[in-house]
């Protein structure tokens, strides 16, 4: 088990670092070929597409990972059939949203300055809906790879599909600079991943299969996950939905750049949580419950050191990072990145949701994100109204922290809390800040010497 954990962790980190490196590299090229408003437009399309996906989440993958008979052909094929049906329905729903925006925009009630009034949005939504349809046919081999923590092939597959999509994006933008370069890259990447998922792994192929009792079991397990995903979507993506009606497409483009950089570390934590720590906690709960808290805090201590030091450092160096990486058109993203770096702090505490889920309690995560979503609805518009874009950004930055009290309350209820371990590494935020300031002072001194 220890060997599997080490291998799964290393592959997850390797795949994530490679993936983010490729995204950053292509982003630096694309921001020089495309206008900022195109990234804002694509950010909104992505939010709506991901929103539909999350709002139809019934926990198929999560269920397969923890299910006692998760490797049974009947269970796998029933889940795969449900996934394909879901993909078809999502494309249809995306089409209805595109039609609604097209008709509603014609009434003149949507401001042409907001992203919702952009005449390109409906068609892009319709075409991007095909990604959900294509992904619906991904093989269940991907689920089994996570269940068994055998991530080498899965990581390789994801990197190949990403590289293919990025090559298409950059090539298209080089010769025909338009937002359609981003659309084409996403579709090609989805096709590549789906095809490879069926031929890159050993084992029987999926086939359409339907067993009523398995379907009912999935739906029963997924009812709380469905509600949680519905609320989680708004908690995680409501910022862009609300900002889309308040700021211009260009400003949303700046925000999407800052947001991408700010959540990179958070995304790595979520990858490790789902691929490594959730399977580990689930196995510990099934086989060795008395050591569950010890295993959890063993992971948390290492995680806190990395996260808190990174937040303190990023808060200081954020404007400099933007100045170095992007041209003058994107400098507004520097101040945005500085504020958004605060969101990373909550990633440490969100691991607690996975612990509670491994104990068979998806309700806790649902309540936590519901509190967070409600706080976002209340605070973001108020922050923007009174303090402009900076007020909105600070509302977004502190929003994930509203989950923390809920998770800690459930920890107290289950008697797995250790208050000392929850707060012992918070001072490292200051250490990271000092290190970041020291680094910048060295950088500035170096520039002076060169001059």
Protein backbone atom coordinates (compact mmCIF):
# COMPACT_ATOMS: atom_id res chain seq x y z
CA UNK A 1 0.00 0.00 0.00
CA UNK A 2 2.83 2.39 0.84
CA UNK A 3 4.44 1.68 -2.52
CA UNK A 4 1.16 2.35 -4.29
CA UNK A 5 0.70 5.62 -2.39
CA UNK A 6 4.17 6.79 -3.30
CA UNK A 7 3.76 5.87 -6.95
CA UNK A 8 0.28 7.43 -7.18
CA UNK A 9 1.46 10.63 -5.51
CA UNK A 10 4.50 10.98 -7.75
CA UNK A 11 2.51 10.35 -10.91
CA UNK A 12 -0.19 12.79 -9.84
CA UNK A 13 2.37 15.50 -9.11
CA UNK A 14 4.29 14.80 -12.33
CA UNK A 15 1.13 14.88 -14.43
CA UNK A 16 -0.15 18.03 -12.76
CA UNK A 17 3.13 19.96 -12.97
CA UNK A 18 3.52 18.93 -16.61
CA UNK A 19 -0.08 19.85 -17.36
CA UNK A 20 0.13 23.25 -15.69
CA UNK A 21 3.48 23.91 -17.34
CA UNK A 22 1.97 23.18 -20.74
CA UNK A 23 -1.05 25.36 -19.96
CA UNK A 24 1.15 28.24 -18.85
CA UNK A 25 3.43 27.91 -21.88
CA UNK A 26 0.51 27.87 -24.32
CA UNK A 27 -1.19 30.65 -22.34
CA UNK A 28 1.86 32.88 -22.73
CA UNK A 29 1.80 32.28 -26.48
CA UNK A 30 -1.96 32.65 -26.87
CA UNK A 31 -2.12 35.90 -24.87
CA UNK A 32 0.24 37.39 -27.45
CA UNK A 33 -1.86 36.13 -30.37
CA UNK A 34 -5.38 36.74 -29.05
CA UNK A 35 -7.16 39.67 -27.44
CA UNK A 36 -7.94 39.64 -23.68
CA UNK A 37 -11.69 39.67 -24.38
CA UNK A 38 -11.41 36.26 -26.08
CA UNK A 39 -10.16 34.70 -22.84
CA UNK A 40 -13.01 36.34 -20.97
CA UNK A 41 -15.51 34.95 -23.47
CA UNK A 42 -14.01 31.47 -23.26
CA UNK A 43 -13.95 31.64 -19.47
CA UNK A 44 -17.71 32.21 -19.44
CA UNK A 45 -18.32 29.37 -21.91
CA UNK A 46 -16.22 27.04 -19.75
CA UNK A 47 -18.09 28.06 -16.60
CA UNK A 48 -21.46 27.34 -18.18
CA UNK A 49 -20.28 24.00 -19.62
CA UNK A 50 -18.70 22.89 -16.35
CA UNK A 51 -21.77 24.13 -14.52
CA UNK A 52 -24.07 21.84 -16.48
CA UNK A 53 -21.66 18.97 -15.95
CA UNK A 54 -21.51 19.51 -12.19
CA UNK A 55 -25.25 20.10 -11.87
CA UNK A 56 -25.84 16.65 -13.35
CA UNK A 57 -23.28 14.94 -11.10
CA UNK A 58 -24.53 11.76 -9.43
CA UNK A 59 -21.16 10.45 -8.25
CA UNK A 60 -20.52 7.69 -10.79
CA UNK A 61 -16.74 7.93 -10.51
CA UNK A 62 -16.76 8.42 -6.73
CA UNK A 63 -19.09 5.44 -6.33
CA UNK A 64 -16.91 3.16 -8.45
CA UNK A 65 -13.86 4.08 -6.33
CA UNK A 66 -15.46 3.15 -3.00
CA UNK A 67 -17.96 0.47 -4.16
CA UNK A 68 -17.36 -3.02 -2.81
CA UNK A 69 -18.05 -4.49 -6.29
CA UNK A 70 -16.62 -1.53 -8.19
CA UNK A 71 -14.71 -3.78 -10.62
CA UNK A 72 -17.70 -5.93 -11.54
CA UNK A 73 -18.52 -5.75 -15.29
CA UNK A 74 -22.23 -5.29 -14.50
CA UNK A 75 -21.53 -2.33 -12.22
CA UNK A 76 -18.99 -0.75 -14.57
CA UNK A 77 -21.09 -1.10 -17.71
CA UNK A 78 -24.23 0.19 -16.02
CA UNK A 79 -22.32 3.24 -14.78
CA UNK A 80 -20.78 3.76 -18.23
CA UNK A 81 -24.22 3.59 -19.89
CA UNK A 82 -25.53 6.18 -17.44
CA UNK A 83 -22.54 8.38 -18.26
CA UNK A 84 -23.18 8.24 -22.03
CA UNK A 85 -26.84 9.18 -21.56
CA UNK A 86 -25.77 12.06 -19.39
CA UNK A 87 -23.40 13.32 -22.11
CA UNK A 88 -26.17 13.40 -24.71
CA UNK A 89 -28.51 15.26 -22.36
CA UNK A 90 -25.83 17.81 -21.48
CA UNK A 91 -25.27 18.71 -25.14
CA UNK A 92 -29.01 19.19 -25.60
CA UNK A 93 -29.19 21.40 -22.50
CA UNK A 94 -26.25 23.47 -23.73
CA UNK A 95 -28.15 24.01 -26.97
CA UNK A 96 -31.20 25.26 -25.08
CA UNK A 97 -29.04 27.72 -23.10
CA UNK A 98 -27.49 29.00 -26.33
CA UNK A 99 -30.95 29.46 -27.88
CA UNK A 100 -32.20 31.27 -24.77
CA UNK A 101 -29.27 33.70 -24.82
CA UNK A 102 -29.75 34.32 -28.53
CA UNK A 103 -33.46 35.13 -28.11
CA UNK A 104 -33.02 37.07 -24.88
CA UNK A 105 -30.20 39.19 -26.30
CA UNK A 106 -32.52 40.19 -29.14
CA UNK A 107 -34.89 41.83 -26.67
CA UNK A 108 -32.27 44.44 -25.77
CA UNK A 109 -32.46 43.72 -22.03
CA UNK A 110 -28.85 42.46 -21.88
CA UNK A 111 -26.14 45.11 -21.95
CA UNK A 112 -23.91 44.78 -25.00
CA UNK A 113 -20.97 45.70 -22.73
CA UNK A 114 -21.47 42.60 -20.59
CA UNK A 115 -20.22 39.24 -21.73
CA UNK A 116 -23.78 37.85 -21.85
CA UNK A 117 -24.53 40.34 -24.62
CA UNK A 118 -21.67 39.17 -26.85
CA UNK A 119 -23.17 37.94 -30.12
CA UNK A 120 -20.56 35.17 -30.40
CA UNK A 121 -21.50 33.50 -27.12
CA UNK A 122 -24.55 31.41 -28.20
CA UNK A 123 -22.82 29.71 -31.15
CA UNK A 124 -19.69 28.97 -29.13
CA UNK A 125 -21.86 27.44 -26.40
CA UNK A 126 -23.61 25.21 -28.91
CA UNK A 127 -20.34 23.95 -30.39
CA UNK A 128 -18.60 23.52 -27.03
CA UNK A 129 -21.53 21.40 -25.86
CA UNK A 130 -20.13 18.62 -28.02
CA UNK A 131 -17.30 18.21 -25.47
CA UNK A 132 -19.80 16.83 -22.93
CA UNK A 133 -21.18 14.43 -25.53
CA UNK A 134 -17.71 13.20 -26.51
CA UNK A 135 -16.52 12.85 -22.90
CA UNK A 136 -19.62 10.83 -22.08
CA UNK A 137 -18.10 7.92 -23.99
CA UNK A 138 -14.84 7.83 -22.01
CA UNK A 139 -14.01 4.31 -20.86
CA UNK A 140 -14.56 3.17 -17.28
CA UNK A 141 -10.88 2.17 -17.34
CA UNK A 142 -10.20 5.74 -16.19
CA UNK A 143 -12.25 5.13 -13.01
CA UNK A 144 -10.52 1.84 -12.31
CA UNK A 145 -7.10 3.45 -12.66
CA UNK A 146 -7.97 5.86 -9.85
CA UNK A 147 -9.63 3.15 -7.74
CA UNK A 148 -6.47 1.03 -7.88
CA UNK A 149 -4.13 4.04 -7.69
CA UNK A 150 -2.49 2.90 -10.95
CA UNK A 151 -1.97 6.33 -12.41
CA UNK A 152 0.96 5.96 -14.82
CA UNK A 153 -1.14 5.25 -17.92
CA UNK A 154 -3.88 7.63 -16.83
CA UNK A 155 -1.42 10.50 -16.39
CA UNK A 156 0.22 9.75 -19.73
CA UNK A 157 -3.15 9.67 -21.48
CA UNK A 158 -4.19 13.01 -20.01
CA UNK A 159 -0.91 14.65 -21.00
CA UNK A 160 -1.09 13.35 -24.58
CA UNK A 161 -4.67 14.58 -25.00
CA UNK A 162 -3.74 17.95 -23.52
CA UNK A 163 -0.69 18.39 -25.76
CA UNK A 164 -2.80 17.54 -28.82
CA UNK A 165 -5.39 20.14 -27.89
CA UNK A 166 -2.78 22.81 -27.14
CA UNK A 167 -1.03 22.23 -30.48
CA UNK A 168 -4.35 22.77 -32.24
CA UNK A 169 -5.05 25.94 -30.23
CA UNK A 170 -1.68 27.55 -30.89
CA UNK A 171 -1.59 26.54 -34.57
CA UNK A 172 -5.09 27.85 -35.20
CA UNK A 173 -4.42 31.10 -33.32
CA UNK A 174 -1.16 31.60 -35.21
CA UNK A 175 -2.79 31.48 -38.63
CA UNK A 176 -6.39 32.53 -37.81
CA UNK A 177 -6.42 34.47 -34.51
CA UNK A 178 -9.92 34.15 -33.08
CA UNK A 179 -11.74 32.63 -30.11
CA UNK A 180 -12.42 29.55 -32.27
CA UNK A 181 -8.81 28.48 -31.76
CA UNK A 182 -9.65 27.85 -28.08
CA UNK A 183 -12.86 26.03 -29.00
CA UNK A 184 -11.14 23.73 -31.51
CA UNK A 185 -8.40 22.82 -29.05
CA UNK A 186 -10.91 21.76 -26.39
CA UNK A 187 -12.85 19.55 -28.80
CA UNK A 188 -9.76 17.83 -30.22
CA UNK A 189 -8.44 17.19 -26.71
CA UNK A 190 -11.76 15.58 -25.68
CA UNK A 191 -11.76 13.34 -28.77
CA UNK A 192 -8.19 12.22 -28.14
CA UNK A 193 -8.82 11.41 -24.47
CA UNK A 194 -12.00 9.47 -25.21
CA UNK A 195 -10.47 7.37 -27.97
CA UNK A 196 -7.32 6.61 -25.99
CA UNK A 197 -9.32 5.66 -22.88
CA UNK A 198 -10.67 2.62 -24.77
CA UNK A 199 -7.40 1.46 -26.33
CA UNK A 200 -4.70 2.57 -23.88
CA UNK A 201 -5.69 0.24 -21.03
CA UNK A 202 -5.92 -3.52 -20.68
CA UNK A 203 -9.22 -5.11 -19.85
CA UNK A 204 -12.66 -5.69 -21.38
CA UNK A 205 -14.29 -2.94 -23.43
CA UNK A 206 -17.38 -1.16 -22.21
CA UNK A 207 -20.76 -2.07 -23.64
CA UNK A 208 -24.24 -0.73 -23.11
CA UNK A 209 -25.80 -2.46 -20.13
CA UNK A 210 -28.63 -1.59 -17.77
CA UNK A 211 -29.44 -3.18 -14.45
CA UNK A 212 -32.20 -1.47 -12.54
CA UNK A 213 -31.00 -2.34 -9.04
CA UNK A 214 -27.51 -0.97 -9.77
CA UNK A 215 -28.98 2.21 -11.22
CA UNK A 216 -31.11 2.72 -8.10
CA UNK A 217 -28.07 2.12 -5.91
CA UNK A 218 -26.06 4.73 -7.83
CA UNK A 219 -28.88 7.25 -7.64
CA UNK A 220 -29.35 6.63 -3.92
CA UNK A 221 -25.65 7.16 -3.25
CA UNK A 222 -25.48 10.13 -5.60
CA UNK A 223 -28.45 12.12 -4.31
CA UNK A 224 -26.34 14.03 -1.80
CA UNK A 225 -23.46 14.28 -4.27
CA UNK A 226 -25.88 15.69 -6.85
CA UNK A 227 -27.03 18.36 -4.44
CA UNK A 228 -23.44 18.97 -3.37
CA UNK A 229 -22.27 19.28 -6.99
CA UNK A 230 -25.12 21.66 -7.76
CA UNK A 231 -24.17 23.93 -4.89
CA UNK A 232 -20.43 23.39 -5.41
CA UNK A 233 -20.71 24.60 -8.99
CA UNK A 234 -22.05 27.94 -7.88
CA UNK A 235 -19.66 28.14 -4.92
CA UNK A 236 -16.66 27.49 -7.21
CA UNK A 237 -17.83 29.23 -10.39
CA UNK A 238 -20.40 31.76 -9.25
CA UNK A 239 -17.70 34.42 -9.19
CA UNK A 240 -17.45 34.42 -13.00
CA UNK A 241 -21.20 34.09 -13.45
CA UNK A 242 -21.80 37.18 -11.32
CA UNK A 243 -18.81 39.11 -12.64
CA UNK A 244 -20.00 38.40 -16.20
CA UNK A 245 -22.91 40.74 -15.60
CA UNK A 246 -20.83 43.41 -13.82
CA UNK A 247 -17.59 43.81 -15.79
CA UNK A 248 -16.51 43.81 -19.43
CA UNK A 249 -15.22 40.80 -21.37
CA UNK A 250 -11.74 42.35 -21.31
CA UNK A 251 -11.77 42.66 -17.50
CA UNK A 252 -13.04 39.10 -17.21
CA UNK A 253 -10.12 38.10 -19.41
CA UNK A 254 -7.70 39.66 -16.92
CA UNK A 255 -9.52 37.90 -14.12
CA UNK A 256 -9.32 34.52 -15.88
CA UNK A 257 -5.53 34.89 -16.20
CA UNK A 258 -5.15 35.73 -12.50
CA UNK A 259 -7.59 33.00 -11.52
CA UNK A 260 -5.70 30.38 -13.53
CA UNK A 261 -2.43 31.22 -11.78
CA UNK A 262 -4.02 31.54 -8.32
CA UNK A 263 -5.74 28.15 -8.32
CA UNK A 264 -2.87 26.14 -9.81
CA UNK A 265 -1.67 24.94 -6.41
CA UNK A 266 -5.26 24.43 -5.27
CA UNK A 267 -5.88 22.25 -8.32
CA UNK A 268 -2.85 20.12 -7.47
CA UNK A 269 -4.23 19.57 -3.98
CA UNK A 270 -7.60 18.53 -5.42
CA UNK A 271 -5.88 16.13 -7.83
CA UNK A 272 -3.91 14.54 -5.01
CA UNK A 273 -7.04 14.41 -2.87
CA UNK A 274 -9.09 12.56 -5.45
CA UNK A 275 -6.36 10.32 -6.89
CA UNK A 276 -4.46 9.48 -3.69
CA UNK A 277 -5.83 10.71 -0.38
CA UNK A 278 -9.51 9.92 -0.87
CA UNK A 279 -8.74 6.28 -1.85
CA UNK A 280 -6.31 6.10 1.09
CA UNK A 281 -8.84 7.48 3.59
CA UNK A 282 -11.57 5.21 2.21
CA UNK A 283 -9.34 2.16 2.58
CA UNK A 284 -8.32 3.21 6.11
CA UNK A 285 -11.95 3.66 7.11
CA UNK A 286 -12.90 0.25 5.72
CA UNK A 287 -10.01 -1.63 7.28
CA UNK A 288 -8.58 0.36 10.20
CA UNK A 289 -11.01 2.98 11.53
CA UNK A 290 -9.11 3.70 14.74
CA UNK A 291 -6.20 5.16 12.78
CA UNK A 292 -8.31 7.39 10.51
CA UNK A 293 -7.62 10.64 12.35
CA UNK A 294 -3.90 9.87 12.56
CA UNK A 295 -3.68 9.20 8.81
CA UNK A 296 -5.65 12.36 8.01
CA UNK A 297 -3.51 14.68 10.12
CA UNK A 298 -0.37 13.01 8.84
CA UNK A 299 -1.34 14.20 5.36
CA UNK A 300 -2.56 17.60 6.59
CA UNK A 301 0.68 18.52 8.34
CA UNK A 302 2.74 18.12 5.18
CA UNK A 303 0.09 19.89 3.13
CA UNK A 304 -0.16 22.88 5.48
CA UNK A 305 3.56 23.60 5.33
CA UNK A 306 3.52 23.78 1.52
CA UNK A 307 0.25 25.67 1.15
CA UNK A 308 0.69 28.31 3.82
CA UNK A 309 4.26 29.17 2.83
CA UNK A 310 3.19 29.37 -0.83
CA UNK A 311 0.30 31.73 -0.06
CA UNK A 312 2.52 34.13 1.90
CA UNK A 313 5.11 34.16 -0.86
CA UNK A 314 2.64 34.47 -3.76
CA UNK A 315 0.88 37.41 -2.10
CA UNK A 316 4.13 39.38 -2.30
CA UNK A 317 5.45 38.33 -5.71
CA UNK A 318 2.14 38.22 -7.65
CA UNK A 319 2.45 41.59 -9.45
CA UNK A 320 6.05 40.82 -10.38
CA UNK A 321 5.05 37.42 -11.79
CA UNK A 322 2.49 39.06 -14.09
CA UNK A 323 4.98 41.76 -15.14
CA UNK A 324 7.50 39.10 -16.14
CA UNK A 325 5.17 36.64 -17.87
CA UNK A 326 2.71 38.87 -19.73
CA UNK A 327 2.82 41.99 -21.89
CA UNK A 328 1.55 45.41 -20.84
CA UNK A 329 -2.07 44.65 -21.79
CA UNK A 330 -2.38 42.13 -18.93
CA UNK A 331 -0.73 44.04 -16.06
CA UNK A 332 -4.08 44.58 -14.32
CA UNK A 333 -4.05 40.86 -13.58
CA UNK A 334 -1.14 41.35 -11.13
CA UNK A 335 -3.19 43.03 -8.39
CA UNK A 336 -5.97 40.48 -9.00
CA UNK A 337 -3.57 37.57 -8.54
CA UNK A 338 -2.27 39.07 -5.30
CA UNK A 339 -5.76 39.16 -3.76
CA UNK A 340 -6.87 35.79 -5.16
CA UNK A 341 -3.85 34.03 -3.66
CA UNK A 342 -5.72 34.09 -0.33
CA UNK A 343 -8.16 31.47 -1.68
CA UNK A 344 -5.43 28.80 -1.52
CA UNK A 345 -5.54 28.73 2.30
CA UNK A 346 -8.89 26.94 2.33
CA UNK A 347 -7.55 24.07 0.20
CA UNK A 348 -5.93 22.59 3.29
CA UNK A 349 -9.17 22.50 5.23
CA UNK A 350 -11.19 21.16 2.29
CA UNK A 351 -9.33 17.88 2.62
CA UNK A 352 -11.65 17.37 5.58
CA UNK A 353 -14.60 17.03 3.20
CA UNK A 354 -12.88 14.03 1.61
CA UNK A 355 -12.34 12.50 5.04
CA UNK A 356 -16.04 12.85 5.84
CA UNK A 357 -16.97 11.47 2.41
CA UNK A 358 -14.74 8.43 2.99
CA UNK A 359 -16.76 7.84 6.16
CA UNK A 360 -19.94 7.72 4.07
CA UNK A 361 -21.09 11.26 4.90
CA UNK A 362 -21.50 13.30 1.70
CA UNK A 363 -23.99 15.55 3.53
CA UNK A 364 -21.19 17.41 5.33
CA UNK A 365 -19.59 18.56 2.09
CA UNK A 366 -22.97 19.64 0.77
CA UNK A 367 -23.66 21.82 3.80
CA UNK A 368 -20.16 23.33 3.66
CA UNK A 369 -20.41 24.41 0.03
CA UNK A 370 -23.98 25.64 0.58
CA UNK A 371 -22.70 28.04 3.25
CA UNK A 372 -19.92 29.12 0.91
CA UNK A 373 -22.30 29.62 -2.01
CA UNK A 374 -24.67 31.73 0.09
CA UNK A 375 -21.77 33.89 1.29
CA UNK A 376 -20.67 34.45 -2.32
CA UNK A 377 -24.15 35.58 -3.41
CA UNK A 378 -24.33 38.06 -0.55
CA UNK A 379 -20.78 39.39 -0.41
CA UNK A 380 -19.65 39.64 -4.04
CA UNK A 381 -22.32 42.12 -5.24
CA UNK A 382 -21.94 44.13 -2.02
CA UNK A 383 -18.17 44.22 -2.39
CA UNK A 384 -18.44 45.39 -5.99
CA UNK A 385 -21.09 48.00 -5.19
CA UNK A 386 -19.09 49.63 -2.38
CA UNK A 387 -15.46 49.06 -3.40
CA UNK A 388 -15.52 48.25 -7.10
CA UNK A 389 -13.53 45.41 -8.61
CA UNK A 390 -11.19 45.17 -5.59
CA UNK A 391 -14.14 44.71 -3.26
CA UNK A 392 -15.44 41.92 -5.48
CA UNK A 393 -12.01 40.27 -5.53
CA UNK A 394 -11.66 40.30 -1.75
CA UNK A 395 -15.14 38.81 -1.44
CA UNK A 396 -14.06 36.00 -3.75
CA UNK A 397 -10.72 35.53 -1.95
CA UNK A 398 -12.19 34.98 1.52
CA UNK A 399 -15.24 33.05 0.30
CA UNK A 400 -13.71 29.50 0.52
CA UNK A 401 -12.94 30.07 4.22
CA UNK A 402 -16.66 29.94 5.01
CA UNK A 403 -16.48 26.15 4.58
CA UNK A 404 -13.98 25.74 7.40
CA UNK A 405 -16.31 26.15 10.44
CA UNK A 406 -18.76 23.61 8.98
CA UNK A 407 -16.06 20.98 8.45
CA UNK A 408 -14.61 21.55 11.92
CA UNK A 409 -18.08 21.19 13.45
CA UNK A 410 -18.47 17.76 11.85
CA UNK A 411 -14.96 16.83 13.03
CA UNK A 412 -16.01 17.72 16.57
CA UNK A 413 -19.19 15.69 16.22
CA UNK A 414 -17.27 12.60 15.09
CA UNK A 415 -14.53 13.22 17.71
CA UNK A 416 -11.70 13.25 15.18
CA UNK A 417 -10.69 16.88 15.75
CA UNK A 418 -7.26 18.01 16.88
CA UNK A 419 -7.40 21.76 17.43
CA UNK A 420 -3.66 22.07 17.83
CA UNK A 421 -2.98 20.37 14.50
CA UNK A 422 -5.61 22.52 12.81
CA UNK A 423 -3.80 25.78 13.55
CA UNK A 424 -0.18 24.87 14.30
CA UNK A 425 1.16 25.81 10.86
CA UNK A 426 -0.73 29.08 10.31
CA UNK A 427 2.34 31.18 11.32
CA UNK A 428 4.07 29.83 8.21
CA UNK A 429 1.97 32.34 6.24
CA UNK A 430 4.22 35.04 7.72
CA UNK A 431 7.33 33.06 6.92
CA UNK A 432 6.27 32.80 3.27
CA UNK A 433 5.56 36.54 3.17
CA UNK A 434 9.03 37.36 4.52
CA UNK A 435 10.71 34.98 2.07
CA UNK A 436 8.77 36.52 -0.82
CA UNK A 437 9.72 40.06 0.21
CA UNK A 438 13.35 38.98 0.63
CA UNK A 439 13.34 37.43 -2.84
CA UNK A 440 11.95 40.62 -4.38
CA UNK A 441 14.57 42.73 -2.61
CA UNK A 442 17.29 40.54 -4.08
CA UNK A 443 15.68 40.81 -7.49
CA UNK A 444 15.51 44.59 -7.31
CA UNK A 445 19.13 44.76 -6.10
CA UNK A 446 20.16 42.59 -9.03
CA UNK A 447 18.43 44.91 -11.47
CA UNK A 448 20.19 47.91 -9.97
CA UNK A 449 23.58 46.25 -10.30
CA UNK A 450 22.90 45.39 -13.95
CA UNK A 451 21.83 48.96 -14.64
